[in-house]
Amino acid sequence: MHIDPDAFAEKKQLVDAAVAVYNDDPGKLTTGAICQVARTDRITFASYFDAPEDALAAFYTLVFEQYHLIRLSTEGYAQFSFEERLATFLYILTDVLEEQRAFVQATFDTQIRCEAAFREHVQAELQRLLQEDTVPETNRVVTRQWPVYTLFTEAVLRIIRFWMHDTSTNREATTALIDKLVSFTAEVVTFRGVQRGADLAWYATKVDVLGLSRLPVVRWFFGS
């Protein structure tokens, strides 16, 4: 994946400005206000966004561009295990969201986040990780099935919602939860005894690391 660092920096400047205006007063979110805070012009804004609201939603997509820029610049990443790659994804994700914590708390369960297809981006990144050669070839046949990546996507979203309300010092409780999920997921995904498509999802549900058995999709699938 190629991301132009200069274009990313320019876009991020506009997105951060839009978030700053929104945090101060959502009613004052205009292209002019964003450009003033970003110290840029409307032509630059128009090269990336059609409307002020687009810049807000872009925060939730820019998170993944920033993740890939950091991932690709991380020394030795190509040699990382599945566990290390998953941990890298989750820690970068929460670190980037932490940069605008108040905004995330105010908008995560609103149309702004939904319009950015944040859930779909999380799912796509997990699918990519689950299909890389750090996962045993036999297991890759299993992990591409929807119950598996759906469960792990829901687990990531639950971690983010936990982080949103985490008041522990330096978000230590969130760190502990991420470590728990990473360790558990790596053990399940790289297990070489998987025989059939539902095995990983079945095991994930039985262990229920984040209370996933209460999700309607899980009850439906495993009850059918």
C-alpha atoms as a PDB file:
ATOM      1  CA  MET A   1       0.000   0.000   0.000  1.00  0.00           C
ATOM      2  CA  HIS A   2       1.445   3.359  -1.075  1.00  0.00           C
ATOM      3  CA  ILE A   3       0.521   6.493   0.859  1.00  0.00           C
ATOM      4  CA  ASP A   4       2.020   9.853  -0.069  1.00  0.00           C
ATOM      5  CA  PRO A   5       3.392  11.257   3.222  1.00  0.00           C
ATOM      6  CA  ASP A   6       3.099  14.851   1.989  1.00  0.00           C
ATOM      7  CA  ALA A   7      -0.525  14.447   0.934  1.00  0.00           C
ATOM      8  CA  PHE A   8      -1.245  12.679   4.215  1.00  0.00           C
ATOM      9  CA  ALA A   9       0.290  15.542   6.229  1.00  0.00           C
ATOM     10  CA  GLU A  10      -1.682  18.139   4.288  1.00  0.00           C
ATOM     11  CA  LYS A  11      -4.931  16.247   4.702  1.00  0.00           C
ATOM     12  CA  LYS A  12      -4.282  15.593   8.389  1.00  0.00           C
ATOM     13  CA  GLN A  13      -3.727  19.298   8.969  1.00  0.00           C
ATOM     14  CA  LEU A  14      -7.192  19.993   7.574  1.00  0.00           C
ATOM     15  CA  VAL A  15      -8.791  17.126   9.509  1.00  0.00           C
ATOM     16  CA  ASP A  16      -7.207  18.239  12.790  1.00  0.00           C
ATOM     17  CA  ALA A  17      -8.453  21.772  12.121  1.00  0.00           C
ATOM     18  CA  ALA A  18     -11.980  20.491  11.445  1.00  0.00           C
ATOM     19  CA  VAL A  19     -11.905  18.506  14.695  1.00  0.00           C
ATOM     20  CA  ALA A  20     -10.693  21.577  16.605  1.00  0.00           C
ATOM     21  CA  VAL A  21     -13.534  23.715  15.209  1.00  0.00           C
ATOM     22  CA  TYR A  22     -16.073  20.983  15.949  1.00  0.00           C
ATOM     23  CA  ASN A  23     -14.831  20.529  19.510  1.00  0.00           C
ATOM     24  CA  ASP A  24     -15.089  24.266  20.114  1.00  0.00           C
ATOM     25  CA  ASP A  25     -18.546  24.685  18.560  1.00  0.00           C
ATOM     26  CA  PRO A  26     -20.104  22.225  16.059  1.00  0.00           C
ATOM     27  CA  GLY A  27     -22.363  25.000  14.784  1.00  0.00           C
ATOM     28  CA  LYS A  28     -19.369  26.961  13.529  1.00  0.00           C
ATOM     29  CA  LEU A  29     -18.000  24.192  11.338  1.00  0.00           C
ATOM     30  CA  THR A  30     -17.455  25.826   7.951  1.00  0.00           C
ATOM     31  CA  THR A  31     -14.857  25.552   5.224  1.00  0.00           C
ATOM     32  CA  GLY A  32     -13.639  29.051   6.076  1.00  0.00           C
ATOM     33  CA  ALA A  33     -13.248  28.244   9.760  1.00  0.00           C
ATOM     34  CA  ILE A  34     -11.342  25.052   8.984  1.00  0.00           C
ATOM     35  CA  CYS A  35      -9.001  26.823   6.561  1.00  0.00           C
ATOM     36  CA  GLN A  36      -8.374  29.585   9.077  1.00  0.00           C
ATOM     37  CA  VAL A  37      -7.364  27.128  11.806  1.00  0.00           C
ATOM     38  CA  ALA A  38      -5.315  25.035   9.355  1.00  0.00           C
ATOM     39  CA  ARG A  39      -3.722  28.192   7.902  1.00  0.00           C
ATOM     40  CA  THR A  40      -4.410  27.108   4.372  1.00  0.00           C
ATOM     41  CA  ASP A  41      -6.720  28.106   1.518  1.00  0.00           C
ATOM     42  CA  ARG A  42     -10.035  26.879   0.143  1.00  0.00           C
ATOM     43  CA  ILE A  43      -8.383  25.478  -2.983  1.00  0.00           C
ATOM     44  CA  THR A  44      -6.310  23.128  -0.865  1.00  0.00           C
ATOM     45  CA  PHE A  45      -9.399  22.157   1.118  1.00  0.00           C
ATOM     46  CA  ALA A  46     -11.355  21.481  -2.069  1.00  0.00           C
ATOM     47  CA  SER A  47      -8.615  19.195  -3.365  1.00  0.00           C
ATOM     48  CA  TYR A  48      -9.474  16.771  -0.548  1.00  0.00           C
ATOM     49  CA  PHE A  49     -13.028  17.453   0.606  1.00  0.00           C
ATOM     50  CA  ASP A  50     -16.354  18.599  -0.802  1.00  0.00           C
ATOM     51  CA  ALA A  51     -17.843  19.812   2.484  1.00  0.00           C
ATOM     52  CA  PRO A  52     -16.750  20.573   6.078  1.00  0.00           C
ATOM     53  CA  GLU A  53     -18.500  17.437   7.344  1.00  0.00           C
ATOM     54  CA  ASP A  54     -16.352  15.329   5.010  1.00  0.00           C
ATOM     55  CA  ALA A  55     -13.244  16.502   6.850  1.00  0.00           C
ATOM     56  CA  LEU A  56     -14.732  15.325  10.139  1.00  0.00           C
ATOM     57  CA  ALA A  57     -15.583  11.868   8.822  1.00  0.00           C
ATOM     58  CA  ALA A  58     -12.113  11.677   7.276  1.00  0.00           C
ATOM     59  CA  PHE A  59     -10.633  11.532  10.768  1.00  0.00           C
ATOM     60  CA  TYR A  60     -11.838   7.944  11.034  1.00  0.00           C
ATOM     61  CA  THR A  61     -10.324   6.931   7.681  1.00  0.00           C
ATOM     62  CA  LEU A  62      -7.081   8.850   8.160  1.00  0.00           C
ATOM     63  CA  VAL A  63      -6.465   6.705  11.234  1.00  0.00           C
ATOM     64  CA  PHE A  64      -5.748   3.765   8.927  1.00  0.00           C
ATOM     65  CA  GLU A  65      -3.481   5.753   6.623  1.00  0.00           C
ATOM     66  CA  GLN A  66      -1.483   6.810   9.670  1.00  0.00           C
ATOM     67  CA  TYR A  67      -1.336   3.193  10.825  1.00  0.00           C
ATOM     68  CA  HIS A  68       0.106   2.070   7.497  1.00  0.00           C
ATOM     69  CA  LEU A  69       2.664   4.884   7.424  1.00  0.00           C
ATOM     70  CA  ILE A  70       3.876   3.905  10.891  1.00  0.00           C
ATOM     71  CA  ARG A  71       3.712   0.178  10.126  1.00  0.00           C
ATOM     72  CA  LEU A  72       5.723   0.496   6.937  1.00  0.00           C
ATOM     73  CA  SER A  73       8.365   2.632   8.630  1.00  0.00           C
ATOM     74  CA  THR A  74       8.749   0.260  11.596  1.00  0.00           C
ATOM     75  CA  GLU A  75      12.154  -1.411  11.462  1.00  0.00           C
ATOM     76  CA  GLY A  76      11.919  -5.184  11.174  1.00  0.00           C
ATOM     77  CA  TYR A  77       8.144  -5.261  10.652  1.00  0.00           C
ATOM     78  CA  ALA A  78       8.485  -7.808   7.840  1.00  0.00           C
ATOM     79  CA  GLN A  79       9.857 -10.286  10.356  1.00  0.00           C
ATOM     80  CA  PHE A  80       7.112  -9.689  12.948  1.00  0.00           C
ATOM     81  CA  SER A  81       5.004 -12.653  14.038  1.00  0.00           C
ATOM     82  CA  PHE A  82       1.211 -12.589  13.725  1.00  0.00           C
ATOM     83  CA  GLU A  83       0.983 -11.692  17.409  1.00  0.00           C
ATOM     84  CA  GLU A  84       3.378  -8.754  16.984  1.00  0.00           C
ATOM     85  CA  ARG A  85       1.571  -7.496  13.881  1.00  0.00           C
ATOM     86  CA  LEU A  86      -1.832  -7.643  15.572  1.00  0.00           C
ATOM     87  CA  ALA A  87      -0.449  -5.839  18.629  1.00  0.00           C
ATOM     88  CA  THR A  88       1.078  -3.191  16.361  1.00  0.00           C
ATOM     89  CA  PHE A  89      -2.289  -2.611  14.700  1.00  0.00           C
ATOM     90  CA  LEU A  90      -4.222  -2.318  17.966  1.00  0.00           C
ATOM     91  CA  TYR A  91      -1.694  -0.119  19.738  1.00  0.00           C
ATOM     92  CA  ILE A  92      -1.311   2.265  16.806  1.00  0.00           C
ATOM     93  CA  LEU A  93      -5.095   2.376  16.392  1.00  0.00           C
ATOM     94  CA  THR A  94      -5.720   3.373  20.002  1.00  0.00           C
ATOM     95  CA  ASP A  95      -2.718   5.730  20.082  1.00  0.00           C
ATOM     96  CA  VAL A  96      -3.987   7.624  17.034  1.00  0.00           C
ATOM     97  CA  LEU A  97      -7.514   7.784  18.437  1.00  0.00           C
ATOM     98  CA  GLU A  98      -6.027   9.058  21.710  1.00  0.00           C
ATOM     99  CA  GLU A  99      -4.755  12.129  19.836  1.00  0.00           C
ATOM    100  CA  GLN A 100      -8.373  13.279  19.529  1.00  0.00           C
ATOM    101  CA  ARG A 101      -9.941  11.475  22.484  1.00  0.00           C
ATOM    102  CA  ALA A 102     -12.643  14.065  23.182  1.00  0.00           C
ATOM    103  CA  PHE A 103     -13.742  14.032  19.547  1.00  0.00           C
ATOM    104  CA  VAL A 104     -13.886  10.236  19.476  1.00  0.00           C
ATOM    105  CA  GLN A 105     -15.901  10.137  22.688  1.00  0.00           C
ATOM    106  CA  ALA A 106     -18.366  12.628  21.205  1.00  0.00           C
ATOM    107  CA  THR A 107     -18.712  11.081  17.738  1.00  0.00           C
ATOM    108  CA  PHE A 108     -17.839   7.384  17.796  1.00  0.00           C
ATOM    109  CA  ASP A 109     -21.458   6.289  18.081  1.00  0.00           C
ATOM    110  CA  THR A 110     -22.791   8.887  15.659  1.00  0.00           C
ATOM    111  CA  GLN A 111     -23.295   9.222  11.907  1.00  0.00           C
ATOM    112  CA  ILE A 112     -19.851  10.803  11.577  1.00  0.00           C
ATOM    113  CA  ARG A 113     -18.094   7.538  12.355  1.00  0.00           C
ATOM    114  CA  CYS A 114     -20.622   5.451  10.420  1.00  0.00           C
ATOM    115  CA  GLU A 115     -20.163   7.529   7.259  1.00  0.00           C
ATOM    116  CA  ALA A 116     -16.438   6.855   7.444  1.00  0.00           C
ATOM    117  CA  ALA A 117     -17.064   3.074   7.345  1.00  0.00           C
ATOM    118  CA  PHE A 118     -14.736   2.684  10.317  1.00  0.00           C
ATOM    119  CA  ARG A 119     -15.999  -0.812  11.150  1.00  0.00           C
ATOM    120  CA  GLU A 120     -15.382  -1.932   7.573  1.00  0.00           C
ATOM    121  CA  HIS A 121     -11.838  -0.565   7.701  1.00  0.00           C
ATOM    122  CA  VAL A 122     -11.146  -2.458  10.929  1.00  0.00           C
ATOM    123  CA  GLN A 123     -12.535  -5.622   9.384  1.00  0.00           C
ATOM    124  CA  ALA A 124     -10.436  -5.182   6.233  1.00  0.00           C
ATOM    125  CA  GLU A 125      -7.239  -4.764   8.267  1.00  0.00           C
ATOM    126  CA  LEU A 126      -8.012  -7.845  10.356  1.00  0.00           C
ATOM    127  CA  GLN A 127      -8.745  -9.868   7.227  1.00  0.00           C
ATOM    128  CA  ARG A 128      -5.411  -8.767   5.788  1.00  0.00           C
ATOM    129  CA  LEU A 129      -3.558  -9.802   8.955  1.00  0.00           C
ATOM    130  CA  LEU A 130      -5.405 -13.111   9.127  1.00  0.00           C
ATOM    131  CA  GLN A 131      -4.415 -13.956   5.542  1.00  0.00           C
ATOM    132  CA  GLU A 132      -0.719 -13.126   5.768  1.00  0.00           C
ATOM    133  CA  ASP A 133       1.932 -15.834   5.785  1.00  0.00           C
ATOM    134  CA  THR A 134       2.411 -15.435   9.547  1.00  0.00           C
ATOM    135  CA  VAL A 135      -0.758 -17.547   9.856  1.00  0.00           C
ATOM    136  CA  PRO A 136      -0.390 -21.270   8.973  1.00  0.00           C
ATOM    137  CA  GLU A 137      -1.641 -21.976   5.447  1.00  0.00           C
ATOM    138  CA  THR A 138      -4.376 -24.381   6.597  1.00  0.00           C
ATOM    139  CA  ASN A 139      -5.665 -21.817   9.075  1.00  0.00           C
ATOM    140  CA  ARG A 140      -5.870 -19.152   6.374  1.00  0.00           C
ATOM    141  CA  VAL A 141      -8.654 -21.174   4.763  1.00  0.00           C
ATOM    142  CA  VAL A 142     -10.493 -20.946   8.073  1.00  0.00           C
ATOM    143  CA  THR A 143      -9.776 -17.339   8.992  1.00  0.00           C
ATOM    144  CA  ARG A 144     -11.203 -15.956   5.749  1.00  0.00           C
ATOM    145  CA  GLN A 145     -14.681 -17.134   6.766  1.00  0.00           C
ATOM    146  CA  TRP A 146     -17.077 -14.529   8.073  1.00  0.00           C
ATOM    147  CA  PRO A 147     -17.707 -15.859  11.618  1.00  0.00           C
ATOM    148  CA  VAL A 148     -13.997 -15.546  12.398  1.00  0.00           C
ATOM    149  CA  TYR A 149     -13.278 -12.018  11.206  1.00  0.00           C
ATOM    150  CA  THR A 150     -16.708 -10.813  12.355  1.00  0.00           C
ATOM    151  CA  LEU A 151     -15.941 -11.960  15.898  1.00  0.00           C
ATOM    152  CA  PHE A 152     -12.512 -10.319  15.926  1.00  0.00           C
ATOM    153  CA  THR A 153     -13.909  -7.097  14.433  1.00  0.00           C
ATOM    154  CA  GLU A 154     -16.465  -6.919  17.233  1.00  0.00           C
ATOM    155  CA  ALA A 155     -13.690  -7.569  19.750  1.00  0.00           C
ATOM    156  CA  VAL A 156     -11.696  -4.585  18.429  1.00  0.00           C
ATOM    157  CA  LEU A 157     -14.744  -2.311  18.576  1.00  0.00           C
ATOM    158  CA  ARG A 158     -15.371  -3.412  22.153  1.00  0.00           C
ATOM    159  CA  ILE A 159     -11.798  -2.540  23.044  1.00  0.00           C
ATOM    160  CA  ILE A 160     -12.250   0.934  21.568  1.00  0.00           C
ATOM    161  CA  ARG A 161     -15.449   1.489  23.534  1.00  0.00           C
ATOM    162  CA  PHE A 162     -13.665   0.278  26.666  1.00  0.00           C
ATOM    163  CA  TRP A 163     -10.803   2.696  25.950  1.00  0.00           C
ATOM    164  CA  MET A 164     -13.283   5.571  25.532  1.00  0.00           C
ATOM    165  CA  HIS A 165     -14.319   5.202  29.184  1.00  0.00           C
ATOM    166  CA  ASP A 166     -10.972   4.059  30.586  1.00  0.00           C
ATOM    167  CA  THR A 167      -9.899   6.368  33.426  1.00  0.00           C
ATOM    168  CA  SER A 168      -6.938   4.280  34.579  1.00  0.00           C
ATOM    169  CA  THR A 169      -3.471   5.835  34.619  1.00  0.00           C
ATOM    170  CA  ASN A 170      -2.041   5.965  31.090  1.00  0.00           C
ATOM    171  CA  ARG A 171      -4.995   3.775  29.995  1.00  0.00           C
ATOM    172  CA  GLU A 172      -3.320   0.794  31.663  1.00  0.00           C
ATOM    173  CA  ALA A 173      -6.604  -1.118  31.761  1.00  0.00           C
ATOM    174  CA  THR A 174      -6.944  -0.802  27.980  1.00  0.00           C
ATOM    175  CA  THR A 175      -3.360  -1.965  27.522  1.00  0.00           C
ATOM    176  CA  ALA A 176      -4.067  -5.035  29.632  1.00  0.00           C
ATOM    177  CA  LEU A 177      -7.196  -5.793  27.601  1.00  0.00           C
ATOM    178  CA  ILE A 178      -5.307  -5.454  24.302  1.00  0.00           C
ATOM    179  CA  ASP A 179      -2.567  -7.759  25.570  1.00  0.00           C
ATOM    180  CA  LYS A 180      -5.189 -10.300  26.585  1.00  0.00           C
ATOM    181  CA  LEU A 181      -6.905 -10.216  23.184  1.00  0.00           C
ATOM    182  CA  VAL A 182      -3.619 -10.332  21.246  1.00  0.00           C
ATOM    183  CA  SER A 183      -2.299 -13.300  23.206  1.00  0.00           C
ATOM    184  CA  PHE A 184      -5.586 -15.165  22.945  1.00  0.00           C
ATOM    185  CA  THR A 185      -6.062 -14.424  19.230  1.00  0.00           C
ATOM    186  CA  ALA A 186      -2.512 -15.434  18.331  1.00  0.00           C
ATOM    187  CA  GLU A 187      -2.913 -18.716  20.201  1.00  0.00           C
ATOM    188  CA  VAL A 188      -6.162 -19.498  18.405  1.00  0.00           C
ATOM    189  CA  VAL A 189      -5.229 -18.289  14.915  1.00  0.00           C
ATOM    190  CA  THR A 190      -1.831 -19.989  14.769  1.00  0.00           C
ATOM    191  CA  PHE A 191      -3.070 -23.259  16.319  1.00  0.00           C
ATOM    192  CA  ARG A 192      -2.204 -26.041  13.867  1.00  0.00           C
ATOM    193  CA  GLY A 193      -4.948 -28.400  14.924  1.00  0.00           C
ATOM    194  CA  VAL A 194      -7.804 -26.525  13.230  1.00  0.00           C
ATOM    195  CA  GLN A 195      -9.890 -28.937  11.169  1.00  0.00           C
ATOM    196  CA  ARG A 196     -12.999 -27.094   9.986  1.00  0.00           C
ATOM    197  CA  GLY A 197     -14.268 -23.637   9.195  1.00  0.00           C
ATOM    198  CA  ALA A 198     -16.082 -22.911  12.425  1.00  0.00           C
ATOM    199  CA  ASP A 199     -13.354 -24.121  14.790  1.00  0.00           C
ATOM    200  CA  LEU A 200     -11.685 -20.775  15.446  1.00  0.00           C
ATOM    201  CA  ALA A 201     -14.942 -18.896  15.866  1.00  0.00           C
ATOM    202  CA  TRP A 202     -16.329 -21.689  18.050  1.00  0.00           C
ATOM    203  CA  TYR A 203     -13.270 -21.584  20.295  1.00  0.00           C
ATOM    204  CA  ALA A 204     -13.338 -17.785  20.446  1.00  0.00           C
ATOM    205  CA  THR A 205     -16.956 -17.885  21.539  1.00  0.00           C
ATOM    206  CA  LYS A 206     -16.452 -20.583  24.151  1.00  0.00           C
ATOM    207  CA  VAL A 207     -13.512 -18.759  25.720  1.00  0.00           C
ATOM    208  CA  ASP A 208     -15.507 -15.537  25.301  1.00  0.00           C
ATOM    209  CA  VAL A 209     -12.551 -13.220  25.882  1.00  0.00           C
ATOM    210  CA  LEU A 210     -14.676 -10.074  25.552  1.00  0.00           C
ATOM    211  CA  GLY A 211     -18.201 -11.308  26.135  1.00  0.00           C
ATOM    212  CA  LEU A 212     -18.755 -11.974  22.423  1.00  0.00           C
ATOM    213  CA  SER A 213     -21.188 -14.823  23.047  1.00  0.00           C
ATOM    214  CA  ARG A 214     -23.805 -12.200  23.885  1.00  0.00           C
ATOM    215  CA  LEU A 215     -23.702 -10.745  20.369  1.00  0.00           C
ATOM    216  CA  PRO A 216     -26.835 -11.572  18.295  1.00  0.00           C
ATOM    217  CA  VAL A 217     -24.778 -12.715  15.270  1.00  0.00           C
ATOM    218  CA  VAL A 218     -22.854 -15.158  17.452  1.00  0.00           C
ATOM    219  CA  ARG A 219     -25.982 -16.554  19.115  1.00  0.00           C
ATOM    220  CA  TRP A 220     -27.596 -16.942  15.701  1.00  0.00           C
ATOM    221  CA  PHE A 221     -24.630 -18.695  14.091  1.00  0.00           C
ATOM    222  CA  PHE A 222     -23.826 -21.114  16.890  1.00  0.00           C
ATOM    223  CA  GLY A 223     -27.452 -21.753  17.725  1.00  0.00           C
ATOM    224  CA  SER A 224     -28.374 -22.694  14.186  1.00  0.00           C
END
